[in-house]
């Protein structure tokens, strides 16, 4: 089984740091999109910029991201026979968790402002 943990570990610190520093809920999905694109570009250097936008964060979907059939077809072998899918799912979950945390934090702040 192929592993892409090395690529993931190379960018995970920056991704995690960016998530923690971001206070705007609406900007957080962009961080997922940016860092997943960096991950895929480091693994598949021949991918075009256009295709890299075919995976993006979606808070309402079950796995919290959407990947196009076109991109999936290109990376299908690794998607099914490596840890790539799990790594991207982990990034999506971290993104989702950060959004939920900030929403709860904002709710608390609004409650205190009313007092």
PDB file of N, CA and C in Angstrom:
ATOM      1  N   UNK A   1       0.839  -1.190   0.000  1.00  0.00           N
ATOM      2  CA  UNK A   1       0.000   0.000   0.000  1.00  0.00           C
ATOM      3  C   UNK A   1       0.881   1.249   0.000  1.00  0.00           C
ATOM      4  N   UNK A   2       0.584   2.144  -0.894  1.00  0.00           N
ATOM      5  CA  UNK A   2       1.297   3.412  -0.973  1.00  0.00           C
ATOM      6  C   UNK A   2       0.918   4.304   0.203  1.00  0.00           C
ATOM      7  N   UNK A   3       1.858   5.139   0.608  1.00  0.00           N
ATOM      8  CA  UNK A   3       1.577   6.081   1.683  1.00  0.00           C
ATOM      9  C   UNK A   3       2.039   7.482   1.288  1.00  0.00           C
ATOM     10  N   UNK A   4       1.207   8.445   1.624  1.00  0.00           N
ATOM     11  CA  UNK A   4       1.515   9.846   1.347  1.00  0.00           C
ATOM     12  C   UNK A   4       1.671  10.645   2.634  1.00  0.00           C
ATOM     13  N   UNK A   5       1.941   9.955   3.721  1.00  0.00           N
ATOM     14  CA  UNK A   5       2.080  10.602   5.025  1.00  0.00           C
ATOM     15  C   UNK A   5       3.214  11.621   5.012  1.00  0.00           C
ATOM     16  N   UNK A   6       4.295  11.324   4.315  1.00  0.00           N
ATOM     17  CA  UNK A   6       5.425  12.261   4.260  1.00  0.00           C
ATOM     18  C   UNK A   6       4.969  13.606   3.699  1.00  0.00           C
ATOM     19  N   UNK A   7       4.236  13.580   2.598  1.00  0.00           N
ATOM     20  CA  UNK A   7       3.726  14.815   1.992  1.00  0.00           C
ATOM     21  C   UNK A   7       2.770  15.527   2.954  1.00  0.00           C
ATOM     22  N   UNK A   8       1.918  14.744   3.592  1.00  0.00           N
ATOM     23  CA  UNK A   8       0.950  15.286   4.549  1.00  0.00           C
ATOM     24  C   UNK A   8       1.662  15.953   5.720  1.00  0.00           C
ATOM     25  N   UNK A   9       2.650  15.262   6.276  1.00  0.00           N
ATOM     26  CA  UNK A   9       3.382  15.806   7.424  1.00  0.00           C
ATOM     27  C   UNK A   9       4.133  17.083   7.072  1.00  0.00           C
ATOM     28  N   UNK A  10       4.606  17.170   5.829  1.00  0.00           N
ATOM     29  CA  UNK A  10       5.325  18.368   5.388  1.00  0.00           C
ATOM     30  C   UNK A  10       4.448  19.619   5.433  1.00  0.00           C
ATOM     31  N   UNK A  11       3.147  19.470   5.214  1.00  0.00           N
ATOM     32  CA  UNK A  11       2.285  20.649   5.193  1.00  0.00           C
ATOM     33  C   UNK A  11       1.325  20.728   6.371  1.00  0.00           C
ATOM     34  N   UNK A  12       1.210  19.663   7.140  1.00  0.00           N
ATOM     35  CA  UNK A  12       0.198  19.644   8.204  1.00  0.00           C
ATOM     36  C   UNK A  12       0.437  20.714   9.263  1.00  0.00           C
ATOM     37  N   UNK A  13       1.672  20.973   9.620  1.00  0.00           N
ATOM     38  CA  UNK A  13       1.960  22.002  10.617  1.00  0.00           C
ATOM     39  C   UNK A  13       1.466  23.368  10.175  1.00  0.00           C
ATOM     40  N   UNK A  14       1.747  23.717   8.933  1.00  0.00           N
ATOM     41  CA  UNK A  14       1.300  25.011   8.393  1.00  0.00           C
ATOM     42  C   UNK A  14      -0.222  25.058   8.295  1.00  0.00           C
ATOM     43  N   UNK A  15      -0.820  23.961   7.882  1.00  0.00           N
ATOM     44  CA  UNK A  15      -2.279  23.883   7.786  1.00  0.00           C
ATOM     45  C   UNK A  15      -2.920  24.077   9.159  1.00  0.00           C
ATOM     46  N   UNK A  16      -2.426  23.346  10.133  1.00  0.00           N
ATOM     47  CA  UNK A  16      -2.952  23.421  11.496  1.00  0.00           C
ATOM     48  C   UNK A  16      -2.775  24.836  12.066  1.00  0.00           C
ATOM     49  N   UNK A  17      -1.624  25.419  11.833  1.00  0.00           N
ATOM     50  CA  UNK A  17      -1.353  26.776  12.303  1.00  0.00           C
ATOM     51  C   UNK A  17      -2.301  27.786  11.651  1.00  0.00           C
ATOM     52  N   UNK A  18      -2.479  27.670  10.343  1.00  0.00           N
ATOM     53  CA  UNK A  18      -3.395  28.571   9.633  1.00  0.00           C
ATOM     54  C   UNK A  18      -4.821  28.447  10.166  1.00  0.00           C
ATOM     55  N   UNK A  19      -5.248  27.206  10.423  1.00  0.00           N
ATOM     56  CA  UNK A  19      -6.590  27.003  10.981  1.00  0.00           C
ATOM     57  C   UNK A  19      -6.731  27.690  12.332  1.00  0.00           C
ATOM     58  N   UNK A  20      -5.739  27.510  13.177  1.00  0.00           N
ATOM     59  CA  UNK A  20      -5.803  28.077  14.525  1.00  0.00           C
ATOM     60  C   UNK A  20      -5.780  29.602  14.524  1.00  0.00           C
ATOM     61  N   UNK A  21      -5.089  30.188  13.572  1.00  0.00           N
ATOM     62  CA  UNK A  21      -4.988  31.647  13.520  1.00  0.00           C
ATOM     63  C   UNK A  21      -6.219  32.304  12.896  1.00  0.00           C
ATOM     64  N   UNK A  22      -6.933  31.551  12.088  1.00  0.00           N
ATOM     65  CA  UNK A  22      -8.080  32.118  11.379  1.00  0.00           C
ATOM     66  C   UNK A  22      -9.289  32.245  12.307  1.00  0.00           C
ATOM     67  N   UNK A  23      -9.824  33.435  12.409  1.00  0.00           N
ATOM     68  CA  UNK A  23     -10.987  33.692  13.266  1.00  0.00           C
ATOM     69  C   UNK A  23     -12.266  33.889  12.456  1.00  0.00           C
ATOM     70  N   UNK A  24     -12.131  34.044  11.151  1.00  0.00           N
ATOM     71  CA  UNK A  24     -13.279  34.261  10.278  1.00  0.00           C
ATOM     72  C   UNK A  24     -13.774  32.917   9.751  1.00  0.00           C
ATOM     73  N   UNK A  25     -14.966  32.541  10.147  1.00  0.00           N
ATOM     74  CA  UNK A  25     -15.538  31.244   9.764  1.00  0.00           C
ATOM     75  C   UNK A  25     -15.596  31.085   8.250  1.00  0.00           C
ATOM     76  N   UNK A  26     -15.846  32.168   7.550  1.00  0.00           N
ATOM     77  CA  UNK A  26     -16.020  32.093   6.101  1.00  0.00           C
ATOM     78  C   UNK A  26     -14.701  31.941   5.345  1.00  0.00           C
ATOM     79  N   UNK A  27     -13.602  32.198   5.998  1.00  0.00           N
ATOM     80  CA  UNK A  27     -12.286  32.047   5.377  1.00  0.00           C
ATOM     81  C   UNK A  27     -11.704  30.647   5.586  1.00  0.00           C
ATOM     82  N   UNK A  28     -12.204  29.929   6.567  1.00  0.00           N
ATOM     83  CA  UNK A  28     -11.633  28.624   6.914  1.00  0.00           C
ATOM     84  C   UNK A  28     -11.724  27.607   5.776  1.00  0.00           C
ATOM     85  N   UNK A  29     -12.858  27.494   5.075  1.00  0.00           N
ATOM     86  CA  UNK A  29     -12.893  26.546   3.954  1.00  0.00           C
ATOM     87  C   UNK A  29     -11.815  26.820   2.899  1.00  0.00           C
ATOM     88  N   UNK A  30     -11.464  28.089   2.721  1.00  0.00           N
ATOM     89  CA  UNK A  30     -10.414  28.438   1.757  1.00  0.00           C
ATOM     90  C   UNK A  30      -9.070  27.846   2.171  1.00  0.00           C
ATOM     91  N   UNK A  31      -8.853  27.728   3.474  1.00  0.00           N
ATOM     92  CA  UNK A  31      -7.605  27.125   3.959  1.00  0.00           C
ATOM     93  C   UNK A  31      -7.545  25.650   3.593  1.00  0.00           C
ATOM     94  N   UNK A  32      -8.666  24.955   3.751  1.00  0.00           N
ATOM     95  CA  UNK A  32      -8.725  23.547   3.335  1.00  0.00           C
ATOM     96  C   UNK A  32      -8.411  23.444   1.848  1.00  0.00           C
ATOM     97  N   UNK A  33      -9.103  24.240   1.054  1.00  0.00           N
ATOM     98  CA  UNK A  33      -8.904  24.197  -0.399  1.00  0.00           C
ATOM     99  C   UNK A  33      -7.443  24.459  -0.765  1.00  0.00           C
ATOM    100  N   UNK A  34      -6.865  25.465  -0.136  1.00  0.00           N
ATOM    101  CA  UNK A  34      -5.472  25.838  -0.419  1.00  0.00           C
ATOM    102  C   UNK A  34      -4.511  24.704  -0.066  1.00  0.00           C
ATOM    103  N   UNK A  35      -4.643  24.164   1.124  1.00  0.00           N
ATOM    104  CA  UNK A  35      -3.683  23.161   1.579  1.00  0.00           C
ATOM    105  C   UNK A  35      -3.879  21.801   0.906  1.00  0.00           C
ATOM    106  N   UNK A  36      -5.106  21.459   0.557  1.00  0.00           N
ATOM    107  CA  UNK A  36      -5.318  20.220  -0.201  1.00  0.00           C
ATOM    108  C   UNK A  36      -4.710  20.368  -1.591  1.00  0.00           C
ATOM    109  N   UNK A  37      -4.844  21.543  -2.175  1.00  0.00           N
ATOM    110  CA  UNK A  37      -4.213  21.788  -3.481  1.00  0.00           C
ATOM    111  C   UNK A  37      -2.701  21.659  -3.392  1.00  0.00           C
ATOM    112  N   UNK A  38      -2.124  22.187  -2.327  1.00  0.00           N
ATOM    113  CA  UNK A  38      -0.677  22.064  -2.122  1.00  0.00           C
ATOM    114  C   UNK A  38      -0.287  20.597  -1.982  1.00  0.00           C
ATOM    115  N   UNK A  39      -1.059  19.849  -1.206  1.00  0.00           N
ATOM    116  CA  UNK A  39      -0.786  18.420  -1.022  1.00  0.00           C
ATOM    117  C   UNK A  39      -0.831  17.686  -2.358  1.00  0.00           C
ATOM    118  N   UNK A  40      -1.897  17.883  -3.104  1.00  0.00           N
ATOM    119  CA  UNK A  40      -2.040  17.184  -4.384  1.00  0.00           C
ATOM    120  C   UNK A  40      -0.971  17.613  -5.381  1.00  0.00           C
ATOM    121  N   UNK A  41      -0.631  18.885  -5.389  1.00  0.00           N
ATOM    122  CA  UNK A  41       0.404  19.374  -6.309  1.00  0.00           C
ATOM    123  C   UNK A  41       1.768  18.783  -5.956  1.00  0.00           C
ATOM    124  N   UNK A  42       2.027  18.582  -4.665  1.00  0.00           N
ATOM    125  CA  UNK A  42       3.313  17.993  -4.277  1.00  0.00           C
ATOM    126  C   UNK A  42       3.372  16.510  -4.638  1.00  0.00           C
ATOM    127  N   UNK A  43       2.234  15.853  -4.653  1.00  0.00           N
ATOM    128  CA  UNK A  43       2.190  14.433  -5.027  1.00  0.00           C
ATOM    129  C   UNK A  43       2.142  14.280  -6.542  1.00  0.00           C
ATOM    130  N   UNK A  44       1.308  15.064  -7.186  1.00  0.00           N
ATOM    131  CA  UNK A  44       1.094  14.986  -8.638  1.00  0.00           C
ATOM    132  C   UNK A  44       1.514  16.315  -9.264  1.00  0.00           C
ATOM    133  N   UNK A  45       2.776  16.462  -9.517  1.00  0.00           N
ATOM    134  CA  UNK A  45       3.295  17.747 -10.007  1.00  0.00           C
ATOM    135  C   UNK A  45       2.742  18.122 -11.380  1.00  0.00           C
ATOM    136  N   UNK A  46       2.207  17.157 -12.117  1.00  0.00           N
ATOM    137  CA  UNK A  46       1.701  17.443 -13.459  1.00  0.00           C
ATOM    138  C   UNK A  46       0.221  17.844 -13.481  1.00  0.00           C
ATOM    139  N   UNK A  47      -0.434  17.904 -12.331  1.00  0.00           N
ATOM    140  CA  UNK A  47      -1.836  18.328 -12.294  1.00  0.00           C
ATOM    141  C   UNK A  47      -1.946  19.808 -12.636  1.00  0.00           C
ATOM    142  N   UNK A  48      -2.944  20.142 -13.425  1.00  0.00           N
ATOM    143  CA  UNK A  48      -3.149  21.554 -13.770  1.00  0.00           C
ATOM    144  C   UNK A  48      -3.822  22.285 -12.616  1.00  0.00           C
ATOM    145  N   UNK A  49      -3.659  23.598 -12.594  1.00  0.00           N
ATOM    146  CA  UNK A  49      -4.286  24.409 -11.543  1.00  0.00           C
ATOM    147  C   UNK A  49      -5.802  24.277 -11.589  1.00  0.00           C
ATOM    148  N   UNK A  50      -6.353  24.144 -12.778  1.00  0.00           N
ATOM    149  CA  UNK A  50      -7.808  24.035 -12.917  1.00  0.00           C
ATOM    150  C   UNK A  50      -8.345  22.796 -12.222  1.00  0.00           C
ATOM    151  N   UNK A  51      -7.668  21.694 -12.372  1.00  0.00           N
ATOM    152  CA  UNK A  51      -8.144  20.443 -11.778  1.00  0.00           C
ATOM    153  C   UNK A  51      -7.984  20.466 -10.262  1.00  0.00           C
ATOM    154  N   UNK A  52      -7.038  21.237  -9.759  1.00  0.00           N
ATOM    155  CA  UNK A  52      -6.827  21.311  -8.311  1.00  0.00           C
ATOM    156  C   UNK A  52      -7.996  21.973  -7.595  1.00  0.00           C
ATOM    157  N   UNK A  53      -8.798  22.726  -8.316  1.00  0.00           N
ATOM    158  CA  UNK A  53      -9.980  23.344  -7.698  1.00  0.00           C
ATOM    159  C   UNK A  53     -11.168  22.385  -7.675  1.00  0.00           C
ATOM    160  N   UNK A  54     -10.971  21.186  -8.160  1.00  0.00           N
ATOM    161  CA  UNK A  54     -12.046  20.196  -8.217  1.00  0.00           C
ATOM    162  C   UNK A  54     -12.214  19.411  -6.925  1.00  0.00           C
ATOM    163  N   UNK A  55     -11.529  19.833  -5.896  1.00  0.00           N
ATOM    164  CA  UNK A  55     -11.766  19.290  -4.563  1.00  0.00           C
ATOM    165  C   UNK A  55     -11.882  20.491  -3.631  1.00  0.00           C
ATOM    166  N   UNK A  56     -12.948  20.513  -2.871  1.00  0.00           N
ATOM    167  CA  UNK A  56     -13.182  21.675  -2.014  1.00  0.00           C
ATOM    168  C   UNK A  56     -13.996  21.284  -0.788  1.00  0.00           C
ATOM    169  N   UNK A  57     -13.877  22.107   0.231  1.00  0.00           N
ATOM    170  CA  UNK A  57     -14.568  21.879   1.490  1.00  0.00           C
ATOM    171  C   UNK A  57     -16.065  22.125   1.314  1.00  0.00           C
ATOM    172  N   UNK A  58     -16.861  21.233   1.906  1.00  0.00           N
ATOM    173  CA  UNK A  58     -18.316  21.387   1.903  1.00  0.00           C
ATOM    174  C   UNK A  58     -18.830  20.929   3.260  1.00  0.00           C
ATOM    175  N   UNK A  59     -19.160  21.892   4.086  1.00  0.00           N
ATOM    176  CA  UNK A  59     -19.558  21.614   5.470  1.00  0.00           C
ATOM    177  C   UNK A  59     -20.744  20.661   5.558  1.00  0.00           C
ATOM    178  N   UNK A  60     -21.636  20.713   4.603  1.00  0.00           N
ATOM    179  CA  UNK A  60     -22.869  19.933   4.685  1.00  0.00           C
ATOM    180  C   UNK A  60     -22.746  18.500   4.170  1.00  0.00           C
ATOM    181  N   UNK A  61     -21.685  18.188   3.451  1.00  0.00           N
ATOM    182  CA  UNK A  61     -21.551  16.818   2.950  1.00  0.00           C
ATOM    183  C   UNK A  61     -21.030  15.896   4.051  1.00  0.00           C
ATOM    184  N   UNK A  62     -21.258  14.621   3.881  1.00  0.00           N
ATOM    185  CA  UNK A  62     -20.916  13.639   4.915  1.00  0.00           C
ATOM    186  C   UNK A  62     -19.434  13.664   5.282  1.00  0.00           C
ATOM    187  N   UNK A  63     -18.574  13.717   4.300  1.00  0.00           N
ATOM    188  CA  UNK A  63     -17.124  13.717   4.546  1.00  0.00           C
ATOM    189  C   UNK A  63     -16.552  15.131   4.629  1.00  0.00           C
ATOM    190  N   UNK A  64     -17.398  16.128   4.456  1.00  0.00           N
ATOM    191  CA  UNK A  64     -17.039  17.545   4.551  1.00  0.00           C
ATOM    192  C   UNK A  64     -16.172  18.035   3.391  1.00  0.00           C
ATOM    193  N   UNK A  65     -16.149  17.298   2.305  1.00  0.00           N
ATOM    194  CA  UNK A  65     -15.504  17.805   1.094  1.00  0.00           C
ATOM    195  C   UNK A  65     -16.141  17.153  -0.117  1.00  0.00           C
ATOM    196  N   UNK A  66     -15.987  17.805  -1.249  1.00  0.00           N
ATOM    197  CA  UNK A  66     -16.485  17.314  -2.531  1.00  0.00           C
ATOM    198  C   UNK A  66     -15.280  17.181  -3.452  1.00  0.00           C
ATOM    199  N   UNK A  67     -15.250  16.076  -4.172  1.00  0.00           N
ATOM    200  CA  UNK A  67     -14.195  15.867  -5.167  1.00  0.00           C
ATOM    201  C   UNK A  67     -14.879  15.529  -6.488  1.00  0.00           C
ATOM    202  N   UNK A  68     -14.441  16.169  -7.547  1.00  0.00           N
ATOM    203  CA  UNK A  68     -15.074  15.947  -8.849  1.00  0.00           C
ATOM    204  C   UNK A  68     -14.726  14.564  -9.391  1.00  0.00           C
ATOM    205  N   UNK A  69     -15.593  14.066 -10.243  1.00  0.00           N
ATOM    206  CA  UNK A  69     -15.344  12.778 -10.892  1.00  0.00           C
ATOM    207  C   UNK A  69     -14.088  12.839 -11.750  1.00  0.00           C
ATOM    208  N   UNK A  70     -13.851  13.989 -12.357  1.00  0.00           N
ATOM    209  CA  UNK A  70     -12.677  14.150 -13.219  1.00  0.00           C
ATOM    210  C   UNK A  70     -11.380  14.003 -12.418  1.00  0.00           C
ATOM    211  N   UNK A  71     -11.296  14.686 -11.291  1.00  0.00           N
ATOM    212  CA  UNK A  71     -10.102  14.568 -10.449  1.00  0.00           C
ATOM    213  C   UNK A  71      -9.994  13.165  -9.877  1.00  0.00           C
ATOM    214  N   UNK A  72     -11.105  12.617  -9.457  1.00  0.00           N
ATOM    215  CA  UNK A  72     -11.104  11.268  -8.895  1.00  0.00           C
ATOM    216  C   UNK A  72     -10.594  10.247  -9.910  1.00  0.00           C
ATOM    217  N   UNK A  73     -10.961  10.438 -11.157  1.00  0.00           N
ATOM    218  CA  UNK A  73     -10.500   9.532 -12.213  1.00  0.00           C
ATOM    219  C   UNK A  73      -8.976   9.602 -12.370  1.00  0.00           C
ATOM    220  N   UNK A  74      -8.421  10.790 -12.245  1.00  0.00           N
ATOM    221  CA  UNK A  74      -6.976  10.979 -12.395  1.00  0.00           C
ATOM    222  C   UNK A  74      -6.209  10.322 -11.251  1.00  0.00           C
ATOM    223  N   UNK A  75      -6.730  10.433 -10.035  1.00  0.00           N
ATOM    224  CA  UNK A  75      -6.003   9.925  -8.858  1.00  0.00           C
ATOM    225  C   UNK A  75      -6.607   8.623  -8.317  1.00  0.00           C
ATOM    226  N   UNK A  76      -7.468   8.000  -9.092  1.00  0.00           N
ATOM    227  CA  UNK A  76      -8.243   6.831  -8.652  1.00  0.00           C
ATOM    228  C   UNK A  76      -7.386   5.734  -8.032  1.00  0.00           C
ATOM    229  N   UNK A  77      -6.303   5.402  -8.669  1.00  0.00           N
ATOM    230  CA  UNK A  77      -5.443   4.316  -8.173  1.00  0.00           C
ATOM    231  C   UNK A  77      -4.958   4.613  -6.752  1.00  0.00           C
ATOM    232  N   UNK A  78      -4.444   5.800  -6.545  1.00  0.00           N
ATOM    233  CA  UNK A  78      -3.962   6.174  -5.210  1.00  0.00           C
ATOM    234  C   UNK A  78      -5.116   6.386  -4.234  1.00  0.00           C
ATOM    235  N   UNK A  79      -6.231   6.906  -4.708  1.00  0.00           N
ATOM    236  CA  UNK A  79      -7.395   7.144  -3.855  1.00  0.00           C
ATOM    237  C   UNK A  79      -7.888   5.830  -3.235  1.00  0.00           C
ATOM    238  N   UNK A  80      -7.858   4.773  -4.043  1.00  0.00           N
ATOM    239  CA  UNK A  80      -8.373   3.477  -3.586  1.00  0.00           C
ATOM    240  C   UNK A  80      -7.327   2.589  -2.931  1.00  0.00           C
ATOM    241  N   UNK A  81      -6.049   2.833  -3.193  1.00  0.00           N
ATOM    242  CA  UNK A  81      -5.009   1.908  -2.735  1.00  0.00           C
ATOM    243  C   UNK A  81      -3.911   2.577  -1.919  1.00  0.00           C
ATOM    244  N   UNK A  82      -4.250   3.661  -1.261  1.00  0.00           N
ATOM    245  CA  UNK A  82      -3.267   4.336  -0.413  1.00  0.00           C
ATOM    246  C   UNK A  82      -4.003   5.050   0.718  1.00  0.00           C
ATOM    247  N   UNK A  83      -3.256   5.822   1.466  1.00  0.00           N
ATOM    248  CA  UNK A  83      -3.845   6.577   2.575  1.00  0.00           C
ATOM    249  C   UNK A  83      -4.274   7.987   2.160  1.00  0.00           C
ATOM    250  N   UNK A  84      -4.229   8.297   0.879  1.00  0.00           N
ATOM    251  CA  UNK A  84      -4.552   9.644   0.410  1.00  0.00           C
ATOM    252  C   UNK A  84      -5.959  10.078   0.821  1.00  0.00           C
ATOM    253  N   UNK A  85      -6.928   9.223   0.611  1.00  0.00           N
ATOM    254  CA  UNK A  85      -8.312   9.545   0.968  1.00  0.00           C
ATOM    255  C   UNK A  85      -8.431   9.836   2.464  1.00  0.00           C
ATOM    256  N   UNK A  86      -7.807   9.018   3.278  1.00  0.00           N
ATOM    257  CA  UNK A  86      -7.860   9.184   4.736  1.00  0.00           C
ATOM    258  C   UNK A  86      -7.207  10.503   5.153  1.00  0.00           C
ATOM    259  N   UNK A  87      -6.106  10.851   4.531  1.00  0.00           N
ATOM    260  CA  UNK A  87      -5.410  12.096   4.869  1.00  0.00           C
ATOM    261  C   UNK A  87      -6.264  13.320   4.535  1.00  0.00           C
ATOM    262  N   UNK A  88      -6.919  13.285   3.391  1.00  0.00           N
ATOM    263  CA  UNK A  88      -7.780  14.407   3.009  1.00  0.00           C
ATOM    264  C   UNK A  88      -9.017  14.451   3.902  1.00  0.00           C
ATOM    265  N   UNK A  89      -9.540  13.287   4.257  1.00  0.00           N
ATOM    266  CA  UNK A  89     -10.664  13.247   5.202  1.00  0.00           C
ATOM    267  C   UNK A  89     -10.259  13.851   6.547  1.00  0.00           C
ATOM    268  N   UNK A  90      -9.040  13.583   6.969  1.00  0.00           N
ATOM    269  CA  UNK A  90      -8.539  14.145   8.235  1.00  0.00           C
ATOM    270  C   UNK A  90      -8.477  15.673   8.151  1.00  0.00           C
ATOM    271  N   UNK A  91      -7.993  16.187   7.034  1.00  0.00           N
ATOM    272  CA  UNK A  91      -7.925  17.638   6.855  1.00  0.00           C
ATOM    273  C   UNK A  91      -9.331  18.253   6.848  1.00  0.00           C
ATOM    274  N   UNK A  92     -10.266  17.574   6.201  1.00  0.00           N
ATOM    275  CA  UNK A  92     -11.645  18.074   6.156  1.00  0.00           C
ATOM    276  C   UNK A  92     -12.265  18.069   7.547  1.00  0.00           C
ATOM    277  N   UNK A  93     -11.999  17.035   8.322  1.00  0.00           N
ATOM    278  CA  UNK A  93     -12.539  16.963   9.683  1.00  0.00           C
ATOM    279  C   UNK A  93     -11.952  18.068  10.557  1.00  0.00           C
ATOM    280  N   UNK A  94     -10.663  18.304  10.443  1.00  0.00           N
ATOM    281  CA  UNK A  94     -10.039  19.387  11.209  1.00  0.00           C
ATOM    282  C   UNK A  94     -10.641  20.744  10.829  1.00  0.00           C
ATOM    283  N   UNK A  95     -10.896  20.928   9.556  1.00  0.00           N
ATOM    284  CA  UNK A  95     -11.508  22.168   9.083  1.00  0.00           C
ATOM    285  C   UNK A  95     -12.912  22.311   9.661  1.00  0.00           C
ATOM    286  N   UNK A  96     -13.683  21.246   9.577  1.00  0.00           N
ATOM    287  CA  UNK A  96     -15.044  21.249  10.111  1.00  0.00           C
ATOM    288  C   UNK A  96     -15.040  21.517  11.618  1.00  0.00           C
ATOM    289  N   UNK A  97     -14.156  20.846  12.335  1.00  0.00           N
ATOM    290  CA  UNK A  97     -14.069  21.033  13.788  1.00  0.00           C
ATOM    291  C   UNK A  97     -13.725  22.477  14.151  1.00  0.00           C
ATOM    292  N   UNK A  98     -12.863  23.104  13.374  1.00  0.00           N
ATOM    293  CA  UNK A  98     -12.490  24.500  13.641  1.00  0.00           C
ATOM    294  C   UNK A  98     -13.696  25.420  13.435  1.00  0.00           C
ATOM    295  N   UNK A  99     -14.446  25.167  12.392  1.00  0.00           N
ATOM    296  CA  UNK A  99     -15.641  25.973  12.132  1.00  0.00           C
ATOM    297  C   UNK A  99     -16.643  25.824  13.277  1.00  0.00           C
ATOM    298  N   UNK A 100     -16.883  24.596  13.706  1.00  0.00           N
ATOM    299  CA  UNK A 100     -17.814  24.344  14.812  1.00  0.00           C
ATOM    300  C   UNK A 100     -17.326  25.044  16.078  1.00  0.00           C
ATOM    301  N   UNK A 101     -16.039  24.954  16.342  1.00  0.00           N
ATOM    302  CA  UNK A 101     -15.465  25.607  17.526  1.00  0.00           C
ATOM    303  C   UNK A 101     -15.709  27.122  17.484  1.00  0.00           C
ATOM    304  N   UNK A 102     -15.456  27.725  16.340  1.00  0.00           N
ATOM    305  CA  UNK A 102     -15.648  29.172  16.222  1.00  0.00           C
ATOM    306  C   UNK A 102     -17.120  29.560  16.321  1.00  0.00           C
ATOM    307  N   UNK A 103     -17.996  28.737  15.781  1.00  0.00           N
ATOM    308  CA  UNK A 103     -19.429  29.017  15.897  1.00  0.00           C
ATOM    309  C   UNK A 103     -19.863  28.989  17.354  1.00  0.00           C
ATOM    310  N   UNK A 104     -19.399  28.000  18.094  1.00  0.00           N
ATOM    311  CA  UNK A 104     -19.732  27.916  19.520  1.00  0.00           C
ATOM    312  C   UNK A 104     -19.153  29.105  20.273  1.00  0.00           C
ATOM    313  N   UNK A 105     -17.938  29.463  19.927  1.00  0.00           N
ATOM    314  CA  UNK A 105     -17.276  30.604  20.555  1.00  0.00           C
ATOM    315  C   UNK A 105     -18.048  31.895  20.277  1.00  0.00           C
ATOM    316  N   UNK A 106     -18.498  32.056  19.039  1.00  0.00           N
ATOM    317  CA  UNK A 106     -19.277  33.240  18.673  1.00  0.00           C
ATOM    318  C   UNK A 106     -20.608  33.277  19.418  1.00  0.00           C
ATOM    319  N   UNK A 107     -21.230  32.106  19.589  1.00  0.00           N
ATOM    320  CA  UNK A 107     -22.483  32.041  20.337  1.00  0.00           C
ATOM    321  C   UNK A 107     -22.274  32.487  21.777  1.00  0.00           C
ATOM    322  N   UNK A 108     -21.183  32.035  22.381  1.00  0.00           N
ATOM    323  CA  UNK A 108     -20.878  32.429  23.762  1.00  0.00           C
ATOM    324  C   UNK A 108     -20.636  33.933  23.844  1.00  0.00           C
ATOM    325  N   UNK A 109     -19.894  34.456  22.884  1.00  0.00           N
ATOM    326  CA  UNK A 109     -19.590  35.884  22.866  1.00  0.00           C
ATOM    327  C   UNK A 109     -20.874  36.702  22.751  1.00  0.00           C
ATOM    328  N   UNK A 110     -21.765  36.288  21.874  1.00  0.00           N
ATOM    329  CA  UNK A 110     -23.038  36.999  21.705  1.00  0.00           C
ATOM    330  C   UNK A 110     -23.863  36.955  22.985  1.00  0.00           C
ATOM    331  N   UNK A 111     -23.838  35.832  23.684  1.00  0.00           N
ATOM    332  CA  UNK A 111     -24.570  35.695  24.944  1.00  0.00           C
ATOM    333  C   UNK A 111     -24.043  36.687  25.966  1.00  0.00           C
ATOM    334  N   UNK A 112     -22.722  36.789  26.083  1.00  0.00           N
ATOM    335  CA  UNK A 112     -22.125  37.712  27.049  1.00  0.00           C
ATOM    336  C   UNK A 112     -22.364  39.171  26.674  1.00  0.00           C
ATOM    337  N   UNK A 113     -22.441  39.464  25.400  1.00  0.00           N
ATOM    338  CA  UNK A 113     -22.686  40.844  24.959  1.00  0.00           C
ATOM    339  C   UNK A 113     -24.094  41.301  25.346  1.00  0.00           C
ATOM    340  N   UNK A 114     -25.018  40.361  25.411  1.00  0.00           N
ATOM    341  CA  UNK A 114     -26.407  40.693  25.734  1.00  0.00           C
ATOM    342  C   UNK A 114     -26.592  40.982  27.220  1.00  0.00           C
ATOM    343  N   UNK A 115     -25.680  40.494  28.029  1.00  0.00           N
ATOM    344  CA  UNK A 115     -25.799  40.656  29.490  1.00  0.00           C
ATOM    345  C   UNK A 115     -25.473  42.059  29.917  1.00  0.00           C
TER     346      UNK A 115
END
